[in-house]
C-alpha atoms as a PDB file:
ATOM      1  CA  MET A   1      -8.044 -10.529 -26.568  1.00  0.00           C
ATOM      2  CA  ASN A   2      -6.057  -7.405 -27.480  1.00  0.00           C
ATOM      3  CA  TRP A   3      -8.738  -5.070 -26.140  1.00  0.00           C
ATOM      4  CA  ARG A   4      -8.781  -6.912 -22.821  1.00  0.00           C
ATOM      5  CA  ALA A   5      -4.984  -6.668 -22.578  1.00  0.00           C
ATOM      6  CA  ALA A   6      -4.985  -2.981 -23.556  1.00  0.00           C
ATOM      7  CA  LEU A   7      -7.664  -2.214 -20.958  1.00  0.00           C
ATOM      8  CA  ALA A   8      -5.676  -4.029 -18.270  1.00  0.00           C
ATOM      9  CA  GLU A   9      -2.582  -2.054 -19.268  1.00  0.00           C
ATOM     10  CA  GLY A  10      -4.548   1.203 -19.143  1.00  0.00           C
ATOM     11  CA  ILE A  11      -5.717   0.446 -15.624  1.00  0.00           C
ATOM     12  CA  ALA A  12      -2.164  -0.467 -14.582  1.00  0.00           C
ATOM     13  CA  VAL A  13      -0.780   2.784 -16.027  1.00  0.00           C
ATOM     14  CA  PHE A  14      -3.483   4.761 -14.229  1.00  0.00           C
ATOM     15  CA  PHE A  15      -2.582   3.041 -10.945  1.00  0.00           C
ATOM     16  CA  PHE A  16       1.144   3.619 -11.489  1.00  0.00           C
ATOM     17  CA  VAL A  17       0.736   7.322 -12.298  1.00  0.00           C
ATOM     18  CA  LEU A  18      -1.668   7.810  -9.382  1.00  0.00           C
ATOM     19  CA  ILE A  19       0.764   6.191  -6.930  1.00  0.00           C
ATOM     20  CA  GLY A  20       3.776   8.078  -8.322  1.00  0.00           C
ATOM     21  CA  THR A  21       2.212  11.522  -8.295  1.00  0.00           C
ATOM     22  CA  GLY A  22       0.577  10.825  -4.955  1.00  0.00           C
ATOM     23  CA  ALA A  23       3.979  10.050  -3.462  1.00  0.00           C
ATOM     24  CA  ILE A  24       5.334  13.375  -4.702  1.00  0.00           C
ATOM     25  CA  VAL A  25       2.378  15.328  -3.326  1.00  0.00           C
ATOM     26  CA  ILE A  26       2.274  13.558   0.045  1.00  0.00           C
ATOM     27  CA  THR A  27       6.018  13.763   0.675  1.00  0.00           C
ATOM     28  CA  GLY A  28       5.962  17.427  -0.318  1.00  0.00           C
ATOM     29  CA  ALA A  29       3.179  18.144   2.147  1.00  0.00           C
ATOM     30  CA  LEU A  30       4.939  16.276   4.940  1.00  0.00           C
ATOM     31  CA  SER A  31       8.350  17.862   4.381  1.00  0.00           C
ATOM     32  CA  GLY A  32       7.144  21.381   3.654  1.00  0.00           C
ATOM     33  CA  GLY A  33       8.333  21.195   0.052  1.00  0.00           C
ATOM     34  CA  ALA A  34      12.026  20.744   0.830  1.00  0.00           C
ATOM     35  CA  MET A  35      13.695  18.314  -1.572  1.00  0.00           C
ATOM     36  CA  ASP A  36      16.062  16.330   0.624  1.00  0.00           C
ATOM     37  CA  ASN A  37      17.470  12.829   0.361  1.00  0.00           C
ATOM     38  CA  SER A  38      14.803  11.165   2.497  1.00  0.00           C
ATOM     39  CA  ARG A  39      12.052  12.588   0.295  1.00  0.00           C
ATOM     40  CA  LEU A  40      13.800  11.401  -2.867  1.00  0.00           C
ATOM     41  CA  ILE A  41      14.237   7.916  -1.429  1.00  0.00           C
ATOM     42  CA  ALA A  42      10.571   7.746  -0.406  1.00  0.00           C
ATOM     43  CA  ILE A  43       9.463   8.820  -3.889  1.00  0.00           C
ATOM     44  CA  ALA A  44      11.799   6.334  -5.574  1.00  0.00           C
ATOM     45  CA  LEU A  45      10.678   3.440  -3.370  1.00  0.00           C
ATOM     46  CA  THR A  46       7.024   4.262  -3.913  1.00  0.00           C
ATOM     47  CA  ASN A  47       7.472   4.413  -7.683  1.00  0.00           C
ATOM     48  CA  GLY A  48       9.382   1.146  -7.719  1.00  0.00           C
ATOM     49  CA  LEU A  49       6.850  -0.673  -5.572  1.00  0.00           C
ATOM     50  CA  GLY A  50       3.953   0.782  -7.569  1.00  0.00           C
ATOM     51  CA  PHE A  51       5.536  -0.364 -10.824  1.00  0.00           C
ATOM     52  CA  GLY A  52       6.142  -3.832  -9.407  1.00  0.00           C
ATOM     53  CA  VAL A  53       2.554  -4.138  -8.208  1.00  0.00           C
ATOM     54  CA  ALA A  54       1.230  -2.931 -11.578  1.00  0.00           C
ATOM     55  CA  ILE A  55       3.331  -5.518 -13.430  1.00  0.00           C
ATOM     56  CA  ALA A  56       2.306  -8.300 -11.056  1.00  0.00           C
ATOM     57  CA  ALA A  57      -1.356  -7.368 -11.433  1.00  0.00           C
ATOM     58  CA  VAL A  58      -1.522  -7.400 -15.248  1.00  0.00           C
ATOM     59  CA  SER A  59       1.386  -9.500 -16.498  1.00  0.00           C
ATOM     60  CA  HIS A  60      -0.729 -12.645 -16.748  1.00  0.00           C
ATOM     61  CA  ILE A  61      -3.312 -10.784 -18.847  1.00  0.00           C
ATOM     62  CA  SER A  62      -1.186  -8.671 -21.160  1.00  0.00           C
ATOM     63  CA  GLY A  63       2.491  -9.482 -20.777  1.00  0.00           C
ATOM     64  CA  GLY A  64       3.267  -6.634 -18.382  1.00  0.00           C
ATOM     65  CA  HIS A  65       4.424  -3.920 -20.772  1.00  0.00           C
ATOM     66  CA  ILE A  66       2.689  -1.178 -18.725  1.00  0.00           C
ATOM     67  CA  ASN A  67       2.071   0.606 -22.008  1.00  0.00           C
ATOM     68  CA  PRO A  68      -1.334   0.041 -23.643  1.00  0.00           C
ATOM     69  CA  ALA A  69      -0.060   1.022 -27.104  1.00  0.00           C
ATOM     70  CA  ALA A  70       2.762  -1.531 -26.980  1.00  0.00           C
ATOM     71  CA  THR A  71       0.405  -4.223 -25.735  1.00  0.00           C
ATOM     72  CA  PHE A  72      -2.131  -3.513 -28.472  1.00  0.00           C
ATOM     73  CA  ALA A  73       0.596  -3.522 -31.132  1.00  0.00           C
ATOM     74  CA  ALA A  74       2.027  -6.809 -29.855  1.00  0.00           C
END
Protein backbone atom coordinates (compact mmCIF):
# COMPACT_ATOMS: atom_id res chain seq x y z
CA MET A 1 0.00 0.00 0.00
CA ASN A 2 2.81 2.45 0.78
CA TRP A 3 4.41 2.02 -2.63
CA ARG A 4 1.10 2.74 -4.35
CA ALA A 5 0.65 5.89 -2.25
CA ALA A 6 4.24 7.02 -2.85
CA LEU A 7 3.86 6.50 -6.60
CA ALA A 8 0.63 8.51 -6.63
CA GLU A 9 2.38 11.28 -4.69
CA GLY A 10 5.30 11.23 -7.14
CA ILE A 11 2.94 11.64 -10.07
CA ALA A 12 1.13 14.48 -8.28
CA VAL A 13 4.42 16.27 -7.54
CA PHE A 14 5.47 15.88 -11.17
CA PHE A 15 2.16 17.37 -12.32
CA PHE A 16 2.41 20.24 -9.82
CA VAL A 17 5.98 21.14 -10.80
CA LEU A 18 5.16 20.86 -14.51
CA ILE A 19 2.16 23.19 -14.16
CA GLY A 20 4.06 25.67 -11.97
CA THR A 21 7.13 25.96 -14.16
CA GLY A 22 4.98 25.96 -17.28
CA ALA A 23 3.06 28.95 -15.95
CA ILE A 24 6.31 30.85 -15.39
CA VAL A 25 7.61 30.06 -18.87
CA ILE A 26 4.34 30.79 -20.69
CA THR A 27 3.65 34.06 -18.88
CA GLY A 28 7.24 35.13 -19.49
CA ALA A 29 6.90 34.45 -23.20
CA LEU A 30 3.60 36.31 -23.42
CA SER A 31 4.75 39.36 -21.47
CA GLY A 32 8.24 39.61 -22.93
CA GLY A 33 9.85 38.76 -19.60
CA ALA A 34 8.54 41.78 -17.69
CA MET A 35 7.57 40.90 -14.13
CA ASP A 36 4.41 42.90 -13.51
CA ASN A 37 1.44 42.35 -11.23
CA SER A 38 -0.71 40.58 -13.80
CA ARG A 39 2.03 38.04 -14.46
CA LEU A 40 2.50 37.39 -10.74
CA ILE A 41 -1.24 36.90 -10.26
CA ALA A 42 -1.41 34.48 -13.20
CA ILE A 43 1.50 32.46 -11.81
CA ALA A 44 0.01 32.40 -8.31
CA LEU A 45 -3.42 31.32 -9.55
CA THR A 46 -1.94 28.60 -11.72
CA ASN A 47 0.15 27.25 -8.85
CA GLY A 48 -2.82 27.30 -6.50
CA LEU A 49 -5.13 25.56 -8.94
CA GLY A 50 -2.45 23.02 -9.85
CA PHE A 51 -1.87 22.22 -6.18
CA GLY A 52 -5.61 21.86 -5.59
CA VAL A 53 -6.00 19.52 -8.55
CA ALA A 54 -3.01 17.44 -7.42
CA ILE A 55 -4.46 17.08 -3.92
CA ALA A 56 -7.91 16.21 -5.25
CA ALA A 57 -6.42 13.60 -7.58
CA VAL A 58 -4.38 11.68 -5.00
CA SER A 59 -5.86 12.43 -1.58
CA HIS A 60 -8.05 9.33 -1.62
CA ILE A 61 -5.01 7.15 -2.40
CA SER A 62 -2.31 8.62 -0.19
CA GLY A 63 -3.70 11.29 2.10
CA GLY A 64 -2.72 14.24 -0.09
CA HIS A 65 0.65 15.18 1.36
CA ILE A 66 2.08 15.98 -2.11
CA ASN A 67 5.41 14.74 -0.81
CA PRO A 68 6.29 11.10 -1.58
CA ALA A 69 8.79 10.89 1.30
CA ALA A 70 6.20 12.02 3.86
CA THR A 71 3.62 9.63 2.46
CA PHE A 72 6.04 6.69 2.56
CA ALA A 73 7.08 7.55 6.12
CA ALA A 74 3.45 7.84 7.26
